[in-house]
Amino acid sequence: QVHVAESGGGLVQAGGSLRLSCTVSGLTFNDYAMGWFRQAPGSKREWVSCIGGRALTQYSPPLRGGRFTISRDNAKNIVSLQMDDLKPEDTAVYYCAADRTFGRTAAGFCVQPNDPHRGEGTQVTVSS
């Protein structure tokens, strides 16, 4: 059984930084793409960034402006999201997601996630 658990959310002022982490168990970690998506109240799910299984590919939707950086440590089964220059509109629950499909690229996962494994989410609140 795949288990996904996020940590690292919190309250930060606009312009600040946060680093989210996610541990994954129950699958061969480096065979699967990983990603982060977020959801604010009343809004639809929005994908933030994805990374391929061996970190050879990364993908972030164009609107992020280079403020978010995804990385993974395959030795520790951890995927992280470094968020810099945070804005109030970044406030949301952030979810870590593991692909259910073997060996896809980061873009393949982010664009067509197909009901991934996901955690319970971690709240990120950015005050103005």
N, C-alpha and C. Protein backbone atom coordinates (compact mmCIF):
# COMPACT_ATOMS: atom_id res chain seq x y z
N GLN A 1 0.85 -1.19 0.00
CA GLN A 1 0.00 0.00 0.00
C GLN A 1 0.89 1.24 0.00
N VAL A 2 0.59 2.17 -0.89
CA VAL A 2 1.38 3.39 -0.99
C VAL A 2 0.92 4.38 0.07
N HIS A 3 1.91 4.96 0.73
CA HIS A 3 1.63 5.98 1.74
C HIS A 3 2.40 7.23 1.41
N VAL A 4 1.71 8.36 1.41
CA VAL A 4 2.29 9.66 1.08
C VAL A 4 2.02 10.60 2.24
N ALA A 5 3.05 11.28 2.73
CA ALA A 5 2.87 12.15 3.89
C ALA A 5 3.65 13.44 3.69
N GLU A 6 2.94 14.57 3.76
CA GLU A 6 3.55 15.88 3.59
C GLU A 6 3.89 16.51 4.94
N SER A 7 4.83 17.43 4.92
CA SER A 7 5.15 18.22 6.11
C SER A 7 5.75 19.54 5.65
N GLY A 8 5.79 20.51 6.56
CA GLY A 8 6.50 21.74 6.28
C GLY A 8 5.63 22.96 5.99
N GLY A 9 4.33 22.80 6.00
CA GLY A 9 3.48 23.96 5.77
C GLY A 9 3.49 24.90 6.97
N GLY A 10 2.80 26.03 6.82
CA GLY A 10 2.73 26.98 7.92
C GLY A 10 2.30 28.35 7.45
N LEU A 11 2.51 29.31 8.34
CA LEU A 11 2.15 30.71 8.06
C LEU A 11 3.43 31.49 7.77
N VAL A 12 3.42 32.24 6.70
CA VAL A 12 4.58 33.03 6.32
C VAL A 12 4.12 34.36 5.75
N GLN A 13 4.94 35.39 5.91
CA GLN A 13 4.60 36.69 5.32
C GLN A 13 4.91 36.71 3.83
N ALA A 14 4.22 37.56 3.13
CA ALA A 14 4.50 37.72 1.70
C ALA A 14 5.97 38.04 1.49
N GLY A 15 6.55 37.41 0.47
CA GLY A 15 7.97 37.56 0.20
C GLY A 15 8.84 36.54 0.89
N GLY A 16 8.26 35.78 1.80
CA GLY A 16 9.02 34.77 2.53
C GLY A 16 9.11 33.46 1.78
N SER A 17 9.72 32.47 2.44
CA SER A 17 9.95 31.16 1.83
C SER A 17 9.47 30.05 2.75
N LEU A 18 9.12 28.94 2.14
CA LEU A 18 8.80 27.72 2.86
C LEU A 18 9.34 26.55 2.06
N ARG A 19 9.65 25.49 2.76
CA ARG A 19 10.08 24.25 2.10
C ARG A 19 9.17 23.14 2.57
N LEU A 20 8.47 22.55 1.64
CA LEU A 20 7.62 21.40 1.92
C LEU A 20 8.37 20.12 1.62
N SER A 21 8.12 19.11 2.43
CA SER A 21 8.72 17.80 2.21
C SER A 21 7.65 16.73 2.18
N CYS A 22 7.97 15.64 1.54
CA CYS A 22 7.01 14.54 1.41
C CYS A 22 7.77 13.23 1.42
N THR A 23 7.35 12.33 2.26
CA THR A 23 7.93 10.99 2.26
C THR A 23 6.92 10.01 1.66
N VAL A 24 7.44 9.07 0.91
CA VAL A 24 6.60 8.11 0.20
C VAL A 24 7.10 6.70 0.50
N SER A 25 6.18 5.81 0.75
CA SER A 25 6.54 4.41 0.96
C SER A 25 5.55 3.53 0.20
N GLY A 26 5.95 2.27 0.00
CA GLY A 26 5.06 1.33 -0.65
C GLY A 26 5.22 1.20 -2.14
N LEU A 27 6.22 1.87 -2.71
CA LEU A 27 6.52 1.70 -4.13
C LEU A 27 8.02 1.88 -4.33
N THR A 28 8.50 1.47 -5.51
CA THR A 28 9.91 1.69 -5.83
C THR A 28 10.04 3.15 -6.25
N PHE A 29 10.47 3.96 -5.31
CA PHE A 29 10.34 5.42 -5.42
C PHE A 29 10.91 5.97 -6.70
N ASN A 30 12.11 5.55 -7.08
CA ASN A 30 12.75 6.19 -8.22
C ASN A 30 12.19 5.73 -9.57
N ASP A 31 11.19 4.87 -9.57
CA ASP A 31 10.54 4.46 -10.82
C ASP A 31 9.34 5.32 -11.18
N TYR A 32 8.96 6.25 -10.29
CA TYR A 32 7.72 6.99 -10.50
C TYR A 32 7.95 8.50 -10.41
N ALA A 33 7.25 9.21 -11.26
CA ALA A 33 7.24 10.66 -11.16
C ALA A 33 6.51 11.09 -9.90
N MET A 34 6.91 12.24 -9.41
CA MET A 34 6.30 12.82 -8.22
C MET A 34 5.90 14.26 -8.53
N GLY A 35 4.98 14.78 -7.75
CA GLY A 35 4.58 16.15 -7.99
C GLY A 35 3.89 16.77 -6.80
N TRP A 36 3.62 18.03 -6.94
CA TRP A 36 2.86 18.79 -5.95
C TRP A 36 1.71 19.52 -6.65
N PHE A 37 0.56 19.48 -6.02
CA PHE A 37 -0.53 20.31 -6.49
C PHE A 37 -1.13 21.03 -5.28
N ARG A 38 -1.92 22.02 -5.53
CA ARG A 38 -2.53 22.78 -4.44
C ARG A 38 -4.00 23.03 -4.73
N GLN A 39 -4.70 23.30 -3.66
CA GLN A 39 -6.12 23.60 -3.80
C GLN A 39 -6.53 24.60 -2.73
N ALA A 40 -7.04 25.73 -3.16
CA ALA A 40 -7.56 26.74 -2.25
C ALA A 40 -9.07 26.57 -2.13
N PRO A 41 -9.67 27.03 -1.05
CA PRO A 41 -11.12 26.90 -0.88
C PRO A 41 -11.87 27.51 -2.05
N GLY A 42 -12.81 26.74 -2.59
CA GLY A 42 -13.61 27.23 -3.70
C GLY A 42 -12.92 27.22 -5.04
N SER A 43 -11.69 26.71 -5.08
CA SER A 43 -10.93 26.70 -6.33
C SER A 43 -10.65 25.26 -6.75
N LYS A 44 -10.36 25.10 -8.02
CA LYS A 44 -10.05 23.75 -8.49
C LYS A 44 -8.57 23.44 -8.23
N ARG A 45 -8.26 22.18 -8.32
CA ARG A 45 -6.89 21.72 -8.13
C ARG A 45 -5.97 22.37 -9.16
N GLU A 46 -4.79 22.75 -8.70
CA GLU A 46 -3.82 23.43 -9.56
C GLU A 46 -2.46 22.76 -9.37
N TRP A 47 -1.91 22.24 -10.46
CA TRP A 47 -0.61 21.59 -10.35
C TRP A 47 0.50 22.62 -10.28
N VAL A 48 1.44 22.37 -9.36
CA VAL A 48 2.52 23.31 -9.09
C VAL A 48 3.81 22.90 -9.78
N SER A 49 4.19 21.65 -9.64
CA SER A 49 5.45 21.19 -10.22
C SER A 49 5.52 19.67 -10.15
N CYS A 50 6.27 19.09 -11.08
CA CYS A 50 6.46 17.65 -11.11
C CYS A 50 7.91 17.33 -11.43
N ILE A 51 8.33 16.12 -11.06
CA ILE A 51 9.70 15.70 -11.32
C ILE A 51 9.69 14.23 -11.71
N GLY A 52 10.47 13.87 -12.71
CA GLY A 52 10.52 12.51 -13.16
C GLY A 52 11.21 11.60 -12.15
N GLY A 53 11.08 10.30 -12.37
CA GLY A 53 11.54 9.31 -11.39
C GLY A 53 13.00 9.43 -11.02
N ARG A 54 13.84 9.66 -11.96
CA ARG A 54 15.27 9.79 -11.67
C ARG A 54 15.73 11.23 -11.75
N ALA A 55 14.78 12.14 -11.58
CA ALA A 55 15.04 13.58 -11.55
C ALA A 55 15.65 14.09 -12.85
N LEU A 56 15.47 13.34 -13.94
CA LEU A 56 16.01 13.78 -15.22
C LEU A 56 15.12 14.81 -15.88
N THR A 57 13.87 14.85 -15.48
CA THR A 57 12.94 15.82 -16.06
C THR A 57 12.21 16.54 -14.95
N GLN A 58 11.94 17.81 -15.19
CA GLN A 58 11.13 18.61 -14.27
C GLN A 58 10.17 19.43 -15.11
N TYR A 59 9.04 19.72 -14.50
CA TYR A 59 8.03 20.50 -15.21
C TYR A 59 7.28 21.36 -14.22
N SER A 60 7.11 22.62 -14.56
CA SER A 60 6.27 23.51 -13.78
C SER A 60 5.41 24.30 -14.75
N PRO A 61 4.11 24.41 -14.48
CA PRO A 61 3.27 25.24 -15.34
C PRO A 61 3.84 26.65 -15.44
N PRO A 62 3.69 27.31 -16.57
CA PRO A 62 4.37 28.59 -16.82
C PRO A 62 4.06 29.69 -15.81
N LEU A 63 2.91 29.64 -15.15
CA LEU A 63 2.50 30.77 -14.31
C LEU A 63 3.28 30.88 -13.01
N ARG A 64 4.12 29.88 -12.68
CA ARG A 64 4.80 29.91 -11.37
C ARG A 64 5.89 30.98 -11.32
N GLY A 65 6.39 31.41 -12.42
CA GLY A 65 7.38 32.48 -12.42
C GLY A 65 8.72 32.08 -11.84
N GLY A 66 9.02 30.80 -11.79
CA GLY A 66 10.31 30.36 -11.29
C GLY A 66 10.46 30.46 -9.79
N ARG A 67 9.36 30.64 -9.07
CA ARG A 67 9.46 30.79 -7.61
C ARG A 67 9.48 29.46 -6.89
N PHE A 68 9.03 28.41 -7.54
CA PHE A 68 8.95 27.09 -6.90
C PHE A 68 9.96 26.14 -7.54
N THR A 69 10.66 25.39 -6.70
CA THR A 69 11.65 24.43 -7.18
C THR A 69 11.40 23.08 -6.55
N ILE A 70 11.22 22.08 -7.39
CA ILE A 70 11.00 20.72 -6.90
C ILE A 70 12.30 19.94 -6.95
N SER A 71 12.47 19.04 -6.00
CA SER A 71 13.64 18.18 -5.99
C SER A 71 13.27 16.86 -5.33
N ARG A 72 14.10 15.87 -5.50
CA ARG A 72 13.84 14.59 -4.86
C ARG A 72 15.14 13.95 -4.44
N ASP A 73 15.06 13.16 -3.37
CA ASP A 73 16.18 12.38 -2.87
C ASP A 73 15.75 10.93 -2.93
N ASN A 74 16.19 10.24 -3.96
CA ASN A 74 15.74 8.87 -4.16
C ASN A 74 16.31 7.90 -3.13
N ALA A 75 17.38 8.28 -2.47
CA ALA A 75 17.93 7.41 -1.42
C ALA A 75 17.06 7.44 -0.17
N LYS A 76 16.33 8.53 0.01
CA LYS A 76 15.51 8.69 1.22
C LYS A 76 14.02 8.68 0.95
N ASN A 77 13.63 8.49 -0.32
CA ASN A 77 12.20 8.51 -0.70
C ASN A 77 11.53 9.82 -0.30
N ILE A 78 12.19 10.91 -0.57
CA ILE A 78 11.66 12.22 -0.22
C ILE A 78 11.59 13.09 -1.47
N VAL A 79 10.49 13.82 -1.59
CA VAL A 79 10.39 14.85 -2.61
C VAL A 79 10.07 16.16 -1.90
N SER A 80 10.72 17.22 -2.34
CA SER A 80 10.60 18.51 -1.67
C SER A 80 10.14 19.59 -2.64
N LEU A 81 9.56 20.63 -2.07
CA LEU A 81 9.15 21.79 -2.86
C LEU A 81 9.64 23.04 -2.13
N GLN A 82 10.60 23.71 -2.71
CA GLN A 82 11.09 24.97 -2.17
C GLN A 82 10.27 26.09 -2.79
N MET A 83 9.66 26.89 -1.94
CA MET A 83 8.80 27.97 -2.41
C MET A 83 9.38 29.30 -1.93
N ASP A 84 9.72 30.15 -2.84
CA ASP A 84 10.33 31.44 -2.53
C ASP A 84 9.43 32.59 -3.00
N ASP A 85 9.67 33.75 -2.41
CA ASP A 85 8.90 34.96 -2.79
C ASP A 85 7.40 34.66 -2.79
N LEU A 86 6.94 34.10 -1.71
CA LEU A 86 5.55 33.69 -1.64
C LEU A 86 4.61 34.88 -1.66
N LYS A 87 3.44 34.66 -2.23
CA LYS A 87 2.42 35.69 -2.38
C LYS A 87 1.14 35.23 -1.71
N PRO A 88 0.29 36.16 -1.29
CA PRO A 88 -0.98 35.74 -0.66
C PRO A 88 -1.78 34.78 -1.53
N GLU A 89 -1.69 34.91 -2.83
CA GLU A 89 -2.45 34.02 -3.72
C GLU A 89 -1.88 32.60 -3.75
N ASP A 90 -0.73 32.38 -3.11
CA ASP A 90 -0.20 31.03 -2.98
C ASP A 90 -0.84 30.28 -1.81
N THR A 91 -1.66 30.95 -1.03
CA THR A 91 -2.33 30.30 0.10
C THR A 91 -3.22 29.18 -0.40
N ALA A 92 -3.01 27.99 0.17
CA ALA A 92 -3.76 26.81 -0.26
C ALA A 92 -3.32 25.62 0.58
N VAL A 93 -4.02 24.53 0.43
CA VAL A 93 -3.52 23.25 0.93
C VAL A 93 -2.68 22.63 -0.18
N TYR A 94 -1.48 22.24 0.18
CA TYR A 94 -0.54 21.67 -0.79
C TYR A 94 -0.48 20.17 -0.59
N TYR A 95 -0.60 19.45 -1.69
CA TYR A 95 -0.61 18.00 -1.67
C TYR A 95 0.57 17.45 -2.44
N CYS A 96 1.18 16.42 -1.88
CA CYS A 96 2.20 15.66 -2.59
C CYS A 96 1.53 14.51 -3.32
N ALA A 97 2.01 14.21 -4.50
CA ALA A 97 1.37 13.17 -5.31
C ALA A 97 2.42 12.25 -5.93
N ALA A 98 2.09 10.98 -5.97
CA ALA A 98 2.95 9.98 -6.61
C ALA A 98 2.20 9.37 -7.79
N ASP A 99 2.85 9.31 -8.91
CA ASP A 99 2.23 8.76 -10.11
C ASP A 99 1.88 7.29 -9.92
N ARG A 100 0.81 6.87 -10.53
CA ARG A 100 0.45 5.45 -10.52
C ARG A 100 1.02 4.72 -11.74
N THR A 101 1.54 5.49 -12.69
CA THR A 101 2.05 4.92 -13.94
C THR A 101 3.57 4.89 -13.92
N PHE A 102 4.12 3.72 -14.22
CA PHE A 102 5.57 3.54 -14.19
C PHE A 102 6.29 4.41 -15.22
N GLY A 103 7.34 5.10 -14.78
CA GLY A 103 8.32 5.66 -15.69
C GLY A 103 7.94 6.87 -16.52
N ARG A 104 6.93 7.62 -16.13
CA ARG A 104 6.55 8.78 -16.94
C ARG A 104 7.47 9.97 -16.67
N THR A 105 7.46 10.88 -17.60
CA THR A 105 8.22 12.12 -17.42
C THR A 105 7.45 13.06 -16.49
N ALA A 106 8.15 14.11 -16.08
CA ALA A 106 7.51 15.10 -15.22
C ALA A 106 6.32 15.76 -15.92
N ALA A 107 6.51 16.14 -17.16
CA ALA A 107 5.43 16.80 -17.89
C ALA A 107 4.26 15.85 -18.10
N GLY A 108 4.57 14.60 -18.42
CA GLY A 108 3.50 13.62 -18.61
C GLY A 108 2.63 13.49 -17.37
N PHE A 109 3.26 13.51 -16.22
CA PHE A 109 2.53 13.37 -14.97
C PHE A 109 1.74 14.63 -14.66
N CYS A 110 2.38 15.79 -14.75
CA CYS A 110 1.70 17.03 -14.40
C CYS A 110 0.52 17.33 -15.32
N VAL A 111 0.68 17.04 -16.58
CA VAL A 111 -0.36 17.38 -17.55
C VAL A 111 -1.53 16.39 -17.48
N GLN A 112 -1.22 15.13 -17.21
CA GLN A 112 -2.27 14.11 -17.14
C GLN A 112 -2.02 13.23 -15.92
N PRO A 113 -2.37 13.71 -14.73
CA PRO A 113 -2.01 13.01 -13.50
C PRO A 113 -2.75 11.69 -13.26
N ASN A 114 -3.96 11.52 -13.77
CA ASN A 114 -4.67 10.24 -13.69
C ASN A 114 -4.82 9.72 -12.26
N ASP A 115 -5.43 10.51 -11.41
CA ASP A 115 -5.76 10.05 -10.06
C ASP A 115 -4.54 9.48 -9.33
N PRO A 116 -3.55 10.30 -9.01
CA PRO A 116 -2.34 9.80 -8.36
C PRO A 116 -2.57 9.44 -6.90
N HIS A 117 -1.62 8.72 -6.34
CA HIS A 117 -1.57 8.56 -4.88
C HIS A 117 -1.30 9.96 -4.32
N ARG A 118 -1.92 10.29 -3.21
CA ARG A 118 -1.66 11.59 -2.63
C ARG A 118 -1.76 11.54 -1.12
N GLY A 119 -1.18 12.55 -0.47
CA GLY A 119 -1.25 12.64 0.97
C GLY A 119 -2.46 13.43 1.43
N GLU A 120 -2.47 13.73 2.73
CA GLU A 120 -3.58 14.47 3.32
C GLU A 120 -3.46 15.98 3.11
N GLY A 121 -2.28 16.42 2.71
CA GLY A 121 -2.08 17.83 2.44
C GLY A 121 -1.50 18.58 3.64
N THR A 122 -0.88 19.72 3.33
CA THR A 122 -0.34 20.59 4.37
C THR A 122 -0.73 22.02 4.02
N GLN A 123 -1.19 22.76 5.03
CA GLN A 123 -1.70 24.11 4.80
C GLN A 123 -0.55 25.10 4.68
N VAL A 124 -0.61 25.92 3.65
CA VAL A 124 0.32 27.04 3.48
C VAL A 124 -0.51 28.31 3.47
N THR A 125 -0.20 29.23 4.37
CA THR A 125 -0.91 30.49 4.45
C THR A 125 0.10 31.63 4.33
N VAL A 126 -0.13 32.51 3.37
CA VAL A 126 0.77 33.64 3.14
C VAL A 126 0.01 34.92 3.47
N SER A 127 0.51 35.65 4.45
CA SER A 127 -0.15 36.88 4.86
C SER A 127 0.44 38.08 4.11
N SER A 128 -0.39 39.06 3.88
CA SER A 128 0.07 40.25 3.13
C SER A 128 0.65 41.30 4.05
